[in-house]
Amino acid sequence: MTDARRRNVLIAAAAAILLAFILIREFWPGKPFADLKQDSVISVDVSFGTYPEYQISGADQERLTGLLQTITVTKESDAYKQLSAKSYSDIFILHLAADRDISVEPFYPYLIIDGTGYQCNDRDALDAMSSIYDSYIDVIRQTSKPAGSH
């Protein structure tokens, strides 16, 4: 085999490996919250439209953390932006011990983490997260006022 041909074979092999890596990274399922520990979550708030953030109960915080630990996502996607016609979305804000906040929005078939949407087919987990969120809407409306109202 000539040097030029050997070089071309090596370039083609490197390109194939790189392409395989990119495809695996794009479509291979991942668990973004697999390492999330309950004791690293100080508190969790829900955000409902223009109302102030509202802290959820410890039991719901534990349930949400458990659901997040099981969630599997695949590729990043912006398609949820075109599908969402809501004036608000279900937003959880996790306040972590590491002085870091993470926002999480369940929007089947997507999970939006800090504004980045990921394909997520864990419908039961996303629906359970939305149910937790929905259970606070009436409480928020009854106990607080939207920003800008008197």
N, C-alpha and C. Protein backbone atom coordinates (compact mmCIF):
# COMPACT_ATOMS: atom_id res chain seq x y z
N MET A 1 0.84 -1.16 0.00
CA MET A 1 0.00 0.00 0.00
C MET A 1 0.90 1.24 0.00
N THR A 2 0.57 2.18 -0.85
CA THR A 2 1.37 3.39 -0.95
C THR A 2 1.08 4.31 0.23
N ASP A 3 1.99 5.25 0.46
CA ASP A 3 1.82 6.20 1.57
C ASP A 3 0.57 7.05 1.38
N ALA A 4 0.29 7.48 0.16
CA ALA A 4 -0.88 8.31 -0.11
C ALA A 4 -2.16 7.52 0.16
N ARG A 5 -2.16 6.28 -0.26
CA ARG A 5 -3.36 5.46 -0.03
C ARG A 5 -3.55 5.17 1.46
N ARG A 6 -2.45 4.89 2.16
CA ARG A 6 -2.51 4.64 3.61
C ARG A 6 -3.05 5.87 4.33
N ARG A 7 -2.58 7.06 3.92
CA ARG A 7 -3.04 8.31 4.52
C ARG A 7 -4.54 8.49 4.27
N ASN A 8 -4.99 8.21 3.04
CA ASN A 8 -6.42 8.34 2.73
C ASN A 8 -7.28 7.38 3.54
N VAL A 9 -6.78 6.16 3.74
CA VAL A 9 -7.51 5.18 4.54
C VAL A 9 -7.59 5.66 6.00
N LEU A 10 -6.49 6.20 6.53
CA LEU A 10 -6.48 6.70 7.90
C LEU A 10 -7.42 7.90 8.06
N ILE A 11 -7.46 8.79 7.09
CA ILE A 11 -8.36 9.94 7.13
C ILE A 11 -9.81 9.47 7.08
N ALA A 12 -10.10 8.52 6.20
CA ALA A 12 -11.46 8.00 6.10
C ALA A 12 -11.87 7.30 7.40
N ALA A 13 -10.97 6.55 8.00
CA ALA A 13 -11.27 5.86 9.26
C ALA A 13 -11.51 6.88 10.37
N ALA A 14 -10.69 7.91 10.43
CA ALA A 14 -10.85 8.95 11.45
C ALA A 14 -12.19 9.68 11.26
N ALA A 15 -12.55 9.96 10.02
CA ALA A 15 -13.82 10.62 9.73
C ALA A 15 -14.99 9.74 10.14
N ALA A 16 -14.90 8.44 9.88
CA ALA A 16 -15.96 7.51 10.24
C ALA A 16 -16.10 7.42 11.76
N ILE A 17 -15.00 7.41 12.47
CA ILE A 17 -15.04 7.36 13.94
C ILE A 17 -15.65 8.65 14.49
N LEU A 18 -15.25 9.78 13.94
CA LEU A 18 -15.80 11.06 14.37
C LEU A 18 -17.31 11.13 14.10
N LEU A 19 -17.73 10.70 12.94
CA LEU A 19 -19.15 10.69 12.60
C LEU A 19 -19.93 9.78 13.54
N ALA A 20 -19.39 8.61 13.83
CA ALA A 20 -20.04 7.69 14.75
C ALA A 20 -20.15 8.31 16.14
N PHE A 21 -19.11 8.98 16.59
CA PHE A 21 -19.13 9.64 17.90
C PHE A 21 -20.21 10.72 17.94
N ILE A 22 -20.30 11.52 16.89
CA ILE A 22 -21.31 12.59 16.82
C ILE A 22 -22.71 12.00 16.83
N LEU A 23 -22.94 10.96 16.06
CA LEU A 23 -24.27 10.33 16.02
C LEU A 23 -24.64 9.70 17.35
N ILE A 24 -23.69 9.05 17.99
CA ILE A 24 -23.95 8.44 19.30
C ILE A 24 -24.27 9.53 20.32
N ARG A 25 -23.48 10.59 20.32
CA ARG A 25 -23.70 11.70 21.26
C ARG A 25 -25.06 12.35 21.03
N GLU A 26 -25.47 12.46 19.77
CA GLU A 26 -26.73 13.12 19.43
C GLU A 26 -27.95 12.27 19.79
N PHE A 27 -27.88 10.98 19.59
CA PHE A 27 -29.06 10.13 19.73
C PHE A 27 -29.01 9.15 20.88
N TRP A 28 -27.88 8.99 21.55
CA TRP A 28 -27.78 8.03 22.64
C TRP A 28 -28.50 8.60 23.86
N PRO A 29 -29.37 7.82 24.47
CA PRO A 29 -30.10 8.32 25.64
C PRO A 29 -29.16 8.65 26.80
N GLY A 30 -29.50 9.69 27.51
CA GLY A 30 -28.72 10.08 28.68
C GLY A 30 -29.64 10.44 29.83
N LYS A 31 -29.13 10.39 31.03
CA LYS A 31 -29.88 10.72 32.23
C LYS A 31 -29.21 11.95 32.87
N PRO A 32 -29.69 13.14 32.52
CA PRO A 32 -29.02 14.35 33.00
C PRO A 32 -29.07 14.54 34.52
N PHE A 33 -30.01 13.89 35.20
CA PHE A 33 -30.13 14.06 36.64
C PHE A 33 -29.83 12.78 37.41
N ALA A 34 -29.15 11.84 36.79
CA ALA A 34 -28.85 10.56 37.43
C ALA A 34 -28.06 10.75 38.73
N ASP A 35 -27.20 11.76 38.79
CA ASP A 35 -26.37 11.99 39.97
C ASP A 35 -26.98 12.96 40.97
N LEU A 36 -28.19 13.43 40.70
CA LEU A 36 -28.86 14.37 41.60
C LEU A 36 -29.22 13.67 42.90
N LYS A 37 -28.76 14.20 43.99
CA LYS A 37 -29.06 13.64 45.32
C LYS A 37 -30.03 14.54 46.05
N GLN A 38 -30.95 13.95 46.78
CA GLN A 38 -31.94 14.72 47.51
C GLN A 38 -31.28 15.71 48.46
N ASP A 39 -30.20 15.30 49.12
CA ASP A 39 -29.58 16.21 50.09
C ASP A 39 -28.83 17.37 49.44
N SER A 40 -28.65 17.35 48.12
CA SER A 40 -28.03 18.48 47.44
C SER A 40 -29.07 19.50 46.97
N VAL A 41 -30.36 19.16 47.12
CA VAL A 41 -31.44 20.07 46.75
C VAL A 41 -31.91 20.79 48.02
N ILE A 42 -31.64 22.09 48.08
CA ILE A 42 -32.04 22.88 49.25
C ILE A 42 -33.55 23.09 49.25
N SER A 43 -34.07 23.50 48.10
CA SER A 43 -35.51 23.71 47.97
C SER A 43 -35.87 23.72 46.49
N VAL A 44 -37.18 23.62 46.23
CA VAL A 44 -37.68 23.68 44.86
C VAL A 44 -38.86 24.64 44.84
N ASP A 45 -38.82 25.57 43.90
CA ASP A 45 -39.92 26.51 43.70
C ASP A 45 -40.61 26.19 42.39
N VAL A 46 -41.89 26.58 42.31
CA VAL A 46 -42.60 26.57 41.03
C VAL A 46 -42.80 28.01 40.62
N SER A 47 -42.78 28.24 39.34
CA SER A 47 -43.01 29.57 38.79
C SER A 47 -44.27 29.51 37.96
N PHE A 48 -45.22 30.39 38.28
CA PHE A 48 -46.51 30.40 37.60
C PHE A 48 -46.77 31.79 37.04
N GLY A 49 -46.52 31.95 35.76
CA GLY A 49 -46.77 33.22 35.09
C GLY A 49 -46.07 34.38 35.78
N THR A 50 -46.83 35.42 36.10
CA THR A 50 -46.25 36.62 36.72
C THR A 50 -46.33 36.59 38.24
N TYR A 51 -46.82 35.49 38.81
CA TYR A 51 -46.88 35.35 40.25
C TYR A 51 -45.48 35.11 40.80
N PRO A 52 -45.27 35.46 42.09
CA PRO A 52 -43.96 35.15 42.69
C PRO A 52 -43.73 33.64 42.74
N GLU A 53 -42.47 33.25 42.77
CA GLU A 53 -42.15 31.83 42.89
C GLU A 53 -42.71 31.30 44.21
N TYR A 54 -43.07 30.01 44.20
CA TYR A 54 -43.71 29.40 45.35
C TYR A 54 -42.97 28.10 45.68
N GLN A 55 -42.55 27.96 46.94
CA GLN A 55 -41.80 26.78 47.34
C GLN A 55 -42.74 25.59 47.54
N ILE A 56 -42.37 24.45 46.95
CA ILE A 56 -43.20 23.25 47.07
C ILE A 56 -42.85 22.52 48.37
N SER A 57 -43.70 21.61 48.77
CA SER A 57 -43.50 20.87 50.03
C SER A 57 -42.30 19.94 49.92
N GLY A 58 -41.81 19.52 51.08
CA GLY A 58 -40.69 18.58 51.12
C GLY A 58 -41.02 17.26 50.44
N ALA A 59 -42.25 16.79 50.64
CA ALA A 59 -42.66 15.52 50.01
C ALA A 59 -42.67 15.65 48.48
N ASP A 60 -43.19 16.77 47.98
CA ASP A 60 -43.21 16.97 46.53
C ASP A 60 -41.80 17.19 45.99
N GLN A 61 -40.96 17.83 46.78
CA GLN A 61 -39.56 18.01 46.38
C GLN A 61 -38.88 16.65 46.22
N GLU A 62 -39.11 15.76 47.18
CA GLU A 62 -38.52 14.42 47.10
C GLU A 62 -39.08 13.66 45.89
N ARG A 63 -40.37 13.78 45.67
CA ARG A 63 -40.99 13.10 44.52
C ARG A 63 -40.41 13.63 43.21
N LEU A 64 -40.30 14.96 43.09
CA LEU A 64 -39.74 15.56 41.88
C LEU A 64 -38.30 15.12 41.67
N THR A 65 -37.50 15.13 42.72
CA THR A 65 -36.11 14.71 42.61
C THR A 65 -36.04 13.26 42.13
N GLY A 66 -36.87 12.39 42.68
CA GLY A 66 -36.90 11.00 42.25
C GLY A 66 -37.29 10.86 40.79
N LEU A 67 -38.27 11.63 40.36
CA LEU A 67 -38.67 11.60 38.95
C LEU A 67 -37.54 12.07 38.04
N LEU A 68 -36.88 13.15 38.44
CA LEU A 68 -35.77 13.67 37.62
C LEU A 68 -34.64 12.66 37.50
N GLN A 69 -34.38 11.92 38.57
CA GLN A 69 -33.31 10.92 38.53
C GLN A 69 -33.58 9.83 37.50
N THR A 70 -34.86 9.57 37.18
CA THR A 70 -35.20 8.49 36.25
C THR A 70 -35.33 8.97 34.80
N ILE A 71 -35.44 10.27 34.59
CA ILE A 71 -35.70 10.83 33.26
C ILE A 71 -34.55 10.51 32.30
N THR A 72 -34.92 10.09 31.10
CA THR A 72 -33.96 9.84 30.03
C THR A 72 -34.25 10.79 28.88
N VAL A 73 -33.21 11.46 28.39
CA VAL A 73 -33.36 12.36 27.26
C VAL A 73 -32.46 11.89 26.13
N THR A 74 -32.81 12.35 24.92
CA THR A 74 -31.93 12.06 23.79
C THR A 74 -31.39 13.37 23.25
N LYS A 75 -31.70 13.71 22.06
CA LYS A 75 -31.07 14.86 21.40
C LYS A 75 -31.69 16.18 21.82
N GLU A 76 -30.89 17.24 21.67
CA GLU A 76 -31.39 18.60 21.89
C GLU A 76 -32.39 18.93 20.78
N SER A 77 -33.39 19.75 21.13
CA SER A 77 -34.41 20.11 20.16
C SER A 77 -35.00 21.47 20.49
N ASP A 78 -35.24 22.27 19.47
CA ASP A 78 -35.93 23.55 19.64
C ASP A 78 -37.38 23.46 19.20
N ALA A 79 -37.84 22.28 18.82
CA ALA A 79 -39.20 22.12 18.30
C ALA A 79 -40.26 22.50 19.33
N TYR A 80 -39.95 22.35 20.62
CA TYR A 80 -40.94 22.69 21.64
C TYR A 80 -41.34 24.16 21.57
N LYS A 81 -40.47 25.01 21.08
CA LYS A 81 -40.78 26.44 20.99
C LYS A 81 -41.93 26.70 20.02
N GLN A 82 -41.99 25.95 18.94
CA GLN A 82 -43.07 26.11 17.98
C GLN A 82 -44.36 25.46 18.47
N LEU A 83 -44.25 24.43 19.28
CA LEU A 83 -45.43 23.70 19.75
C LEU A 83 -46.12 24.36 20.93
N SER A 84 -45.37 25.12 21.71
CA SER A 84 -45.93 25.69 22.92
C SER A 84 -46.79 26.91 22.60
N ALA A 85 -48.07 26.80 22.94
CA ALA A 85 -48.98 27.93 22.74
C ALA A 85 -49.44 28.48 24.09
N LYS A 86 -48.87 27.95 25.17
CA LYS A 86 -49.27 28.39 26.50
C LYS A 86 -48.72 29.78 26.80
N SER A 87 -49.41 30.51 27.65
CA SER A 87 -48.91 31.81 28.08
C SER A 87 -47.89 31.63 29.21
N TYR A 88 -47.83 30.46 29.78
CA TYR A 88 -46.85 30.13 30.81
C TYR A 88 -46.49 28.67 30.62
N SER A 89 -45.43 28.25 31.26
CA SER A 89 -45.09 26.83 31.21
C SER A 89 -44.83 26.35 32.63
N ASP A 90 -44.87 25.06 32.81
CA ASP A 90 -44.62 24.46 34.12
C ASP A 90 -43.12 24.58 34.39
N ILE A 91 -42.75 25.44 35.30
CA ILE A 91 -41.33 25.65 35.57
C ILE A 91 -41.04 25.31 37.03
N PHE A 92 -40.09 24.42 37.21
CA PHE A 92 -39.56 24.12 38.54
C PHE A 92 -38.17 24.75 38.62
N ILE A 93 -37.87 25.37 39.74
CA ILE A 93 -36.54 25.93 39.95
C ILE A 93 -35.93 25.19 41.13
N LEU A 94 -34.90 24.42 40.84
CA LEU A 94 -34.22 23.66 41.87
C LEU A 94 -33.08 24.52 42.41
N HIS A 95 -33.09 24.76 43.71
CA HIS A 95 -32.03 25.51 44.37
C HIS A 95 -31.10 24.47 45.00
N LEU A 96 -29.88 24.39 44.46
CA LEU A 96 -28.94 23.36 44.89
C LEU A 96 -27.95 23.89 45.92
N ALA A 97 -27.40 22.98 46.70
CA ALA A 97 -26.44 23.33 47.74
C ALA A 97 -25.18 23.97 47.16
N ALA A 98 -24.88 23.71 45.93
CA ALA A 98 -23.67 24.24 45.29
C ALA A 98 -23.88 25.67 44.77
N ASP A 99 -24.81 26.42 45.40
CA ASP A 99 -25.12 27.80 44.97
C ASP A 99 -25.43 27.85 43.48
N ARG A 100 -26.22 26.92 43.05
CA ARG A 100 -26.61 26.84 41.65
C ARG A 100 -28.10 26.58 41.58
N ASP A 101 -28.76 27.25 40.65
CA ASP A 101 -30.18 27.01 40.41
C ASP A 101 -30.33 26.38 39.03
N ILE A 102 -31.25 25.45 38.92
CA ILE A 102 -31.54 24.79 37.65
C ILE A 102 -33.04 24.92 37.41
N SER A 103 -33.41 25.38 36.21
CA SER A 103 -34.83 25.41 35.88
C SER A 103 -35.15 24.19 35.02
N VAL A 104 -36.30 23.58 35.31
CA VAL A 104 -36.73 22.38 34.62
C VAL A 104 -38.19 22.56 34.21
N GLU A 105 -38.47 22.31 32.93
CA GLU A 105 -39.84 22.43 32.42
C GLU A 105 -40.24 21.13 31.75
N PRO A 106 -41.21 20.41 32.31
CA PRO A 106 -41.72 19.21 31.63
C PRO A 106 -42.74 19.64 30.58
N PHE A 107 -42.51 19.27 29.36
CA PHE A 107 -43.40 19.65 28.26
C PHE A 107 -43.35 18.51 27.24
N TYR A 108 -44.13 17.47 27.49
CA TYR A 108 -44.05 16.25 26.67
C TYR A 108 -44.18 16.57 25.19
N PRO A 109 -43.32 16.04 24.35
CA PRO A 109 -42.26 15.07 24.56
C PRO A 109 -40.89 15.70 24.79
N TYR A 110 -40.84 16.79 25.53
CA TYR A 110 -39.58 17.48 25.78
C TYR A 110 -39.38 17.70 27.27
N LEU A 111 -38.12 17.82 27.64
CA LEU A 111 -37.74 18.29 28.96
C LEU A 111 -36.80 19.45 28.71
N ILE A 112 -37.18 20.62 29.20
CA ILE A 112 -36.36 21.81 28.99
C ILE A 112 -35.57 22.05 30.27
N ILE A 113 -34.26 22.07 30.14
CA ILE A 113 -33.36 22.26 31.27
C ILE A 113 -32.58 23.55 31.02
N ASP A 114 -32.78 24.51 31.89
CA ASP A 114 -32.12 25.82 31.77
C ASP A 114 -32.27 26.40 30.36
N GLY A 115 -33.46 26.27 29.79
CA GLY A 115 -33.76 26.86 28.49
C GLY A 115 -33.38 26.02 27.29
N THR A 116 -32.74 24.88 27.50
CA THR A 116 -32.37 23.98 26.40
C THR A 116 -33.32 22.80 26.40
N GLY A 117 -33.99 22.58 25.27
CA GLY A 117 -34.96 21.50 25.15
C GLY A 117 -34.29 20.20 24.72
N TYR A 118 -34.73 19.12 25.32
CA TYR A 118 -34.24 17.78 24.98
C TYR A 118 -35.44 16.88 24.69
N GLN A 119 -35.29 16.04 23.71
CA GLN A 119 -36.32 15.04 23.41
C GLN A 119 -36.40 14.10 24.60
N CYS A 120 -37.62 13.85 25.09
CA CYS A 120 -37.81 12.99 26.26
C CYS A 120 -39.11 12.22 26.08
N ASN A 121 -39.03 10.91 26.07
CA ASN A 121 -40.22 10.09 25.87
C ASN A 121 -40.74 9.46 27.15
N ASP A 122 -40.26 9.93 28.31
CA ASP A 122 -40.72 9.42 29.60
C ASP A 122 -42.03 10.12 29.98
N ARG A 123 -43.07 9.80 29.24
CA ARG A 123 -44.34 10.51 29.41
C ARG A 123 -44.88 10.43 30.84
N ASP A 124 -44.82 9.25 31.44
CA ASP A 124 -45.35 9.11 32.79
C ASP A 124 -44.63 10.04 33.78
N ALA A 125 -43.32 10.11 33.69
CA ALA A 125 -42.55 10.98 34.58
C ALA A 125 -42.86 12.44 34.31
N LEU A 126 -42.94 12.83 33.04
CA LEU A 126 -43.24 14.22 32.71
C LEU A 126 -44.66 14.59 33.16
N ASP A 127 -45.61 13.67 32.97
CA ASP A 127 -46.98 13.91 33.43
C ASP A 127 -47.04 14.02 34.95
N ALA A 128 -46.27 13.20 35.65
CA ALA A 128 -46.25 13.26 37.12
C ALA A 128 -45.66 14.60 37.57
N MET A 129 -44.64 15.08 36.87
CA MET A 129 -44.06 16.39 37.20
C MET A 129 -45.09 17.49 36.97
N SER A 130 -45.81 17.42 35.87
CA SER A 130 -46.84 18.42 35.59
C SER A 130 -47.95 18.37 36.63
N SER A 131 -48.28 17.18 37.12
CA SER A 131 -49.31 17.05 38.16
C SER A 131 -48.86 17.72 39.46
N ILE A 132 -47.60 17.56 39.80
CA ILE A 132 -47.07 18.25 40.98
C ILE A 132 -47.23 19.75 40.79
N TYR A 133 -46.81 20.23 39.65
CA TYR A 133 -46.91 21.66 39.34
C TYR A 133 -48.37 22.12 39.43
N ASP A 134 -49.26 21.41 38.76
CA ASP A 134 -50.67 21.80 38.72
C ASP A 134 -51.30 21.86 40.11
N SER A 135 -50.81 21.04 41.03
CA SER A 135 -51.38 21.02 42.38
C SER A 135 -51.12 22.31 43.14
N TYR A 136 -50.21 23.15 42.65
CA TYR A 136 -49.89 24.41 43.32
C TYR A 136 -50.55 25.64 42.69
N ILE A 137 -51.14 25.49 41.53
CA ILE A 137 -51.68 26.66 40.83
C ILE A 137 -52.74 27.37 41.65
N ASP A 138 -53.73 26.65 42.19
CA ASP A 138 -54.78 27.29 42.97
C ASP A 138 -54.23 27.92 44.25
N VAL A 139 -53.29 27.24 44.90
CA VAL A 139 -52.68 27.78 46.12
C VAL A 139 -51.96 29.09 45.80
N ILE A 140 -51.24 29.12 44.71
CA ILE A 140 -50.51 30.33 44.32
C ILE A 140 -51.50 31.46 44.04
N ARG A 141 -52.55 31.18 43.31
CA ARG A 141 -53.55 32.20 43.00
C ARG A 141 -54.22 32.74 44.27
N GLN A 142 -54.43 31.87 45.26
CA GLN A 142 -55.12 32.28 46.48
C GLN A 142 -54.22 33.02 47.45
N THR A 143 -52.94 32.73 47.43
CA THR A 143 -52.04 33.29 48.46
C THR A 143 -51.16 34.43 47.99
N SER A 144 -51.13 34.72 46.70
CA SER A 144 -50.28 35.80 46.22
C SER A 144 -50.94 36.51 45.05
N LYS A 145 -50.36 37.61 44.67
CA LYS A 145 -50.88 38.41 43.56
C LYS A 145 -49.81 38.48 42.47
N PRO A 146 -50.25 38.58 41.21
CA PRO A 146 -49.27 38.71 40.13
C PRO A 146 -48.46 40.00 40.29
N ALA A 147 -47.26 39.99 39.78
CA ALA A 147 -46.42 41.19 39.80
C ALA A 147 -47.14 42.31 39.08
N GLY A 148 -47.10 43.50 39.66
CA GLY A 148 -47.71 44.66 39.02
C GLY A 148 -49.16 44.88 39.42
N SER A 149 -49.78 43.95 40.16
CA SER A 149 -51.18 44.15 40.58
C SER A 149 -51.19 44.77 41.98
N HIS A 150 -52.27 45.40 42.32
CA HIS A 150 -52.36 46.08 43.62
C HIS A 150 -53.08 45.25 44.62
